[in-house]
N, C-alpha and C. Protein backbone atom coordinates (compact mmCIF):
# COMPACT_ATOMS: atom_id res chain seq x y z
N THR A 1 -1.42 3.28 21.73
CA THR A 1 -2.28 2.46 20.89
C THR A 1 -2.75 3.26 19.69
N MET A 2 -3.28 2.55 18.74
CA MET A 2 -3.68 3.15 17.48
C MET A 2 -5.20 3.12 17.36
N GLY A 3 -5.78 4.21 16.92
CA GLY A 3 -7.22 4.27 16.72
C GLY A 3 -7.63 3.66 15.39
N ASN A 4 -8.93 3.53 15.19
CA ASN A 4 -9.45 2.94 13.96
C ASN A 4 -9.03 3.71 12.72
N ALA A 5 -9.07 5.04 12.78
CA ALA A 5 -8.73 5.85 11.61
C ALA A 5 -7.26 5.66 11.23
N GLU A 6 -6.38 5.66 12.22
CA GLU A 6 -4.96 5.48 11.93
C GLU A 6 -4.69 4.06 11.44
N ALA A 7 -5.36 3.08 12.02
CA ALA A 7 -5.19 1.69 11.58
C ALA A 7 -5.66 1.53 10.14
N ARG A 8 -6.74 2.22 9.78
CA ARG A 8 -7.26 2.13 8.41
C ARG A 8 -6.22 2.61 7.40
N VAL A 9 -5.48 3.65 7.76
CA VAL A 9 -4.44 4.17 6.87
C VAL A 9 -3.33 3.14 6.71
N TRP A 10 -2.90 2.55 7.82
CA TRP A 10 -1.84 1.54 7.75
C TRP A 10 -2.29 0.31 6.96
N VAL A 11 -3.52 -0.12 7.15
CA VAL A 11 -4.04 -1.27 6.42
C VAL A 11 -4.08 -0.97 4.93
N SER A 12 -4.51 0.22 4.56
CA SER A 12 -4.53 0.60 3.14
C SER A 12 -3.13 0.62 2.55
N ALA A 13 -2.17 1.13 3.31
CA ALA A 13 -0.78 1.16 2.82
C ALA A 13 -0.26 -0.26 2.60
N VAL A 14 -0.54 -1.14 3.53
CA VAL A 14 -0.08 -2.53 3.40
C VAL A 14 -0.78 -3.22 2.24
N LYS A 15 -2.09 -3.00 2.09
CA LYS A 15 -2.83 -3.64 1.00
C LYS A 15 -2.36 -3.17 -0.37
N ALA A 16 -1.82 -1.98 -0.46
CA ALA A 16 -1.31 -1.48 -1.73
C ALA A 16 0.14 -1.88 -1.95
N MET A 17 0.94 -1.79 -0.90
CA MET A 17 2.38 -1.96 -1.04
C MET A 17 2.82 -3.42 -1.15
N VAL A 18 2.32 -4.28 -0.29
CA VAL A 18 2.82 -5.66 -0.22
C VAL A 18 2.53 -6.44 -1.50
N PRO A 19 1.28 -6.49 -1.99
CA PRO A 19 1.05 -7.24 -3.22
C PRO A 19 1.84 -6.69 -4.42
N GLU A 20 2.00 -5.37 -4.46
CA GLU A 20 2.77 -4.75 -5.54
C GLU A 20 4.22 -5.23 -5.50
N ARG A 21 4.79 -5.24 -4.30
CA ARG A 21 6.19 -5.65 -4.15
C ARG A 21 6.35 -7.14 -4.45
N VAL A 22 5.39 -7.96 -4.01
CA VAL A 22 5.46 -9.39 -4.27
C VAL A 22 5.42 -9.65 -5.78
N CYS A 23 4.55 -8.94 -6.50
CA CYS A 23 4.50 -9.09 -7.96
C CYS A 23 5.84 -8.74 -8.59
N LYS A 24 6.47 -7.69 -8.08
CA LYS A 24 7.77 -7.28 -8.61
C LYS A 24 8.83 -8.35 -8.34
N ILE A 25 8.81 -8.94 -7.17
CA ILE A 25 9.78 -10.00 -6.82
C ILE A 25 9.58 -11.21 -7.72
N ILE A 26 8.31 -11.62 -7.91
CA ILE A 26 8.04 -12.77 -8.78
C ILE A 26 8.45 -12.45 -10.21
N ASP A 27 8.19 -11.23 -10.66
CA ASP A 27 8.58 -10.82 -12.01
C ASP A 27 10.10 -10.90 -12.19
N GLU A 28 10.84 -10.45 -11.18
CA GLU A 28 12.30 -10.53 -11.25
C GLU A 28 12.77 -11.98 -11.29
N ALA A 29 12.11 -12.86 -10.54
CA ALA A 29 12.46 -14.28 -10.58
C ALA A 29 12.17 -14.86 -11.96
N MET A 30 11.07 -14.44 -12.57
CA MET A 30 10.75 -14.90 -13.92
C MET A 30 11.82 -14.44 -14.91
N GLN A 31 12.33 -13.23 -14.72
CA GLN A 31 13.40 -12.72 -15.58
C GLN A 31 14.65 -13.57 -15.44
N VAL A 32 14.96 -13.98 -14.22
CA VAL A 32 16.15 -14.80 -13.98
C VAL A 32 16.04 -16.12 -14.73
N PHE A 33 14.85 -16.72 -14.72
CA PHE A 33 14.65 -18.01 -15.37
C PHE A 33 14.45 -17.89 -16.88
N GLY A 34 14.23 -16.67 -17.37
CA GLY A 34 14.03 -16.48 -18.80
C GLY A 34 12.72 -17.10 -19.26
N ALA A 35 12.73 -17.73 -20.42
CA ALA A 35 11.51 -18.32 -20.98
C ALA A 35 10.95 -19.40 -20.07
N THR A 36 11.82 -20.10 -19.37
CA THR A 36 11.35 -21.13 -18.44
C THR A 36 10.51 -20.52 -17.32
N GLY A 37 10.81 -19.28 -16.96
CA GLY A 37 10.09 -18.61 -15.88
C GLY A 37 8.62 -18.38 -16.17
N ILE A 38 8.27 -18.28 -17.45
CA ILE A 38 6.86 -18.07 -17.79
C ILE A 38 6.19 -19.36 -18.27
N SER A 39 6.92 -20.45 -18.23
CA SER A 39 6.36 -21.73 -18.65
C SER A 39 5.68 -22.43 -17.47
N GLN A 40 5.10 -23.57 -17.76
CA GLN A 40 4.46 -24.37 -16.71
C GLN A 40 5.48 -25.24 -15.97
N TRP A 41 6.75 -25.14 -16.33
CA TRP A 41 7.79 -25.94 -15.68
C TRP A 41 8.19 -25.38 -14.33
N THR A 42 7.85 -24.13 -14.08
CA THR A 42 8.12 -23.54 -12.76
C THR A 42 6.79 -22.99 -12.22
N PRO A 43 6.68 -22.81 -10.92
CA PRO A 43 5.43 -22.27 -10.36
C PRO A 43 5.31 -20.75 -10.50
N LEU A 44 6.30 -20.10 -11.10
CA LEU A 44 6.34 -18.64 -11.11
C LEU A 44 5.16 -18.01 -11.86
N ALA A 45 4.82 -18.53 -13.02
CA ALA A 45 3.71 -17.95 -13.79
C ALA A 45 2.40 -18.06 -13.01
N ARG A 46 2.18 -19.20 -12.38
CA ARG A 46 0.97 -19.39 -11.58
C ARG A 46 0.97 -18.47 -10.36
N MET A 47 2.15 -18.33 -9.74
CA MET A 47 2.27 -17.44 -8.58
C MET A 47 1.97 -16.00 -8.99
N TYR A 48 2.51 -15.58 -10.12
CA TYR A 48 2.30 -14.20 -10.58
C TYR A 48 0.82 -13.95 -10.86
N ALA A 49 0.18 -14.89 -11.55
CA ALA A 49 -1.24 -14.72 -11.88
C ALA A 49 -2.08 -14.63 -10.61
N GLY A 50 -1.79 -15.47 -9.64
CA GLY A 50 -2.53 -15.44 -8.38
C GLY A 50 -2.31 -14.15 -7.62
N GLN A 51 -1.07 -13.70 -7.59
CA GLN A 51 -0.74 -12.48 -6.85
C GLN A 51 -1.33 -11.25 -7.54
N ARG A 52 -1.31 -11.25 -8.85
CA ARG A 52 -1.87 -10.11 -9.59
C ARG A 52 -3.37 -10.02 -9.36
N THR A 53 -4.03 -11.16 -9.29
CA THR A 53 -5.46 -11.19 -9.01
C THR A 53 -5.74 -10.67 -7.61
N LEU A 54 -4.89 -11.01 -6.66
CA LEU A 54 -5.06 -10.55 -5.28
C LEU A 54 -4.99 -9.03 -5.18
N ARG A 55 -4.18 -8.42 -6.04
CA ARG A 55 -4.08 -6.95 -6.04
C ARG A 55 -5.42 -6.30 -6.37
N LEU A 56 -6.24 -6.99 -7.12
CA LEU A 56 -7.56 -6.46 -7.48
C LEU A 56 -8.63 -6.86 -6.47
N ALA A 57 -8.43 -7.97 -5.78
CA ALA A 57 -9.44 -8.49 -4.86
C ALA A 57 -9.71 -7.53 -3.70
N ASP A 58 -8.69 -6.88 -3.19
CA ASP A 58 -8.85 -5.94 -2.08
C ASP A 58 -9.17 -4.53 -2.56
N GLY A 59 -9.45 -4.38 -3.82
CA GLY A 59 -9.73 -3.06 -4.38
C GLY A 59 -8.50 -2.56 -5.12
N PRO A 60 -8.69 -1.67 -6.06
CA PRO A 60 -7.55 -1.15 -6.83
C PRO A 60 -6.53 -0.46 -5.92
N ASP A 61 -5.27 -0.57 -6.28
CA ASP A 61 -4.20 0.06 -5.51
C ASP A 61 -4.44 1.56 -5.35
N GLU A 62 -4.98 2.17 -6.39
CA GLU A 62 -5.18 3.62 -6.36
C GLU A 62 -6.11 4.04 -5.22
N VAL A 63 -7.11 3.22 -4.93
CA VAL A 63 -8.03 3.53 -3.84
C VAL A 63 -7.29 3.53 -2.51
N HIS A 64 -6.43 2.53 -2.32
CA HIS A 64 -5.65 2.45 -1.07
C HIS A 64 -4.67 3.61 -0.97
N TRP A 65 -4.01 3.95 -2.07
CA TRP A 65 -3.07 5.08 -2.04
C TRP A 65 -3.81 6.39 -1.79
N GLN A 66 -5.05 6.48 -2.26
CA GLN A 66 -5.85 7.68 -2.03
C GLN A 66 -6.16 7.83 -0.53
N VAL A 67 -6.45 6.74 0.15
CA VAL A 67 -6.69 6.78 1.60
C VAL A 67 -5.44 7.27 2.32
N VAL A 68 -4.29 6.72 1.93
CA VAL A 68 -3.02 7.13 2.55
C VAL A 68 -2.74 8.60 2.25
N GLY A 69 -2.93 9.01 1.01
CA GLY A 69 -2.67 10.40 0.63
C GLY A 69 -3.55 11.39 1.37
N ARG A 70 -4.83 11.09 1.49
CA ARG A 70 -5.73 11.98 2.22
C ARG A 70 -5.31 12.11 3.68
N ALA A 71 -4.90 11.00 4.28
CA ALA A 71 -4.47 11.05 5.68
C ALA A 71 -3.22 11.91 5.83
N GLU A 72 -2.29 11.78 4.90
CA GLU A 72 -1.06 12.58 4.97
C GLU A 72 -1.37 14.06 4.78
N ILE A 73 -2.21 14.38 3.82
CA ILE A 73 -2.56 15.79 3.59
C ILE A 73 -3.27 16.37 4.80
N SER A 74 -4.14 15.60 5.42
CA SER A 74 -4.89 16.11 6.57
C SER A 74 -3.98 16.41 7.76
N ARG A 75 -2.82 15.79 7.80
CA ARG A 75 -1.88 16.06 8.90
C ARG A 75 -1.34 17.48 8.83
N TYR A 76 -1.37 18.10 7.66
CA TYR A 76 -0.77 19.41 7.47
C TYR A 76 -1.78 20.51 7.19
N GLU A 77 -3.06 20.18 7.19
CA GLU A 77 -4.08 21.21 6.99
C GLU A 77 -4.33 21.91 8.31
N PRO A 78 -4.48 23.23 8.28
CA PRO A 78 -4.76 23.94 9.53
C PRO A 78 -6.15 23.62 10.05
N ASP A 79 -6.28 23.60 11.37
CA ASP A 79 -7.60 23.38 11.95
C ASP A 79 -8.39 24.69 11.93
N SER A 80 -9.55 24.71 12.53
CA SER A 80 -10.41 25.90 12.46
C SER A 80 -9.82 27.10 13.18
N LEU A 81 -8.85 26.90 14.08
CA LEU A 81 -8.22 28.01 14.80
C LEU A 81 -7.01 28.56 14.05
N GLY A 82 -6.69 27.95 12.90
CA GLY A 82 -5.55 28.43 12.12
C GLY A 82 -4.23 27.81 12.54
N LYS A 83 -4.26 26.91 13.51
CA LYS A 83 -3.03 26.25 13.92
C LYS A 83 -2.90 24.95 13.14
N ASN A 84 -1.68 24.55 12.93
CA ASN A 84 -1.45 23.28 12.26
C ASN A 84 -1.78 22.16 13.24
N ILE A 85 -2.68 21.28 12.85
CA ILE A 85 -3.12 20.20 13.74
C ILE A 85 -1.94 19.33 14.13
N ASN A 86 -1.09 19.01 13.18
CA ASN A 86 0.05 18.13 13.46
C ASN A 86 1.01 18.76 14.45
N SER A 87 1.31 20.04 14.30
CA SER A 87 2.26 20.67 15.21
C SER A 87 1.68 20.77 16.61
N ALA A 88 0.37 20.96 16.73
CA ALA A 88 -0.26 21.02 18.05
C ALA A 88 -0.18 19.67 18.74
N ARG A 89 -0.30 18.61 17.99
CA ARG A 89 -0.22 17.27 18.57
C ARG A 89 1.19 16.95 19.03
N THR A 90 2.17 17.35 18.25
CA THR A 90 3.55 17.00 18.59
C THR A 90 4.10 17.86 19.71
N THR A 91 3.63 19.10 19.84
CA THR A 91 4.16 19.98 20.89
C THR A 91 3.37 19.89 22.18
N GLY A 92 2.22 19.24 22.15
CA GLY A 92 1.42 19.09 23.35
C GLY A 92 0.48 20.24 23.60
N GLU A 93 0.34 21.19 22.65
CA GLU A 93 -0.59 22.31 22.81
C GLU A 93 -2.02 21.82 22.78
N LYS A 94 -2.90 22.58 23.41
CA LYS A 94 -4.33 22.23 23.38
C LYS A 94 -5.13 23.39 22.88
């Protein structure tokens, strides 16, 4: 099972990654349709605006990436005994 701290990292990664990727997919669809893609004749412009707003609603992407980055860095920082915390966890040392 996953603890709260680990879940927080995964949630931050998803909150940053998924809306960003969805915006990219909608943008590519708009490119396929050309000028029609940004007009009111297709739902793409409205979808893009809504999705772009959602990226800000959960906080800036940078904040979420910062949570993920700090968690990754902490995996490789030595603990107070000078041992790598991550290697102790994977090898079963105590």
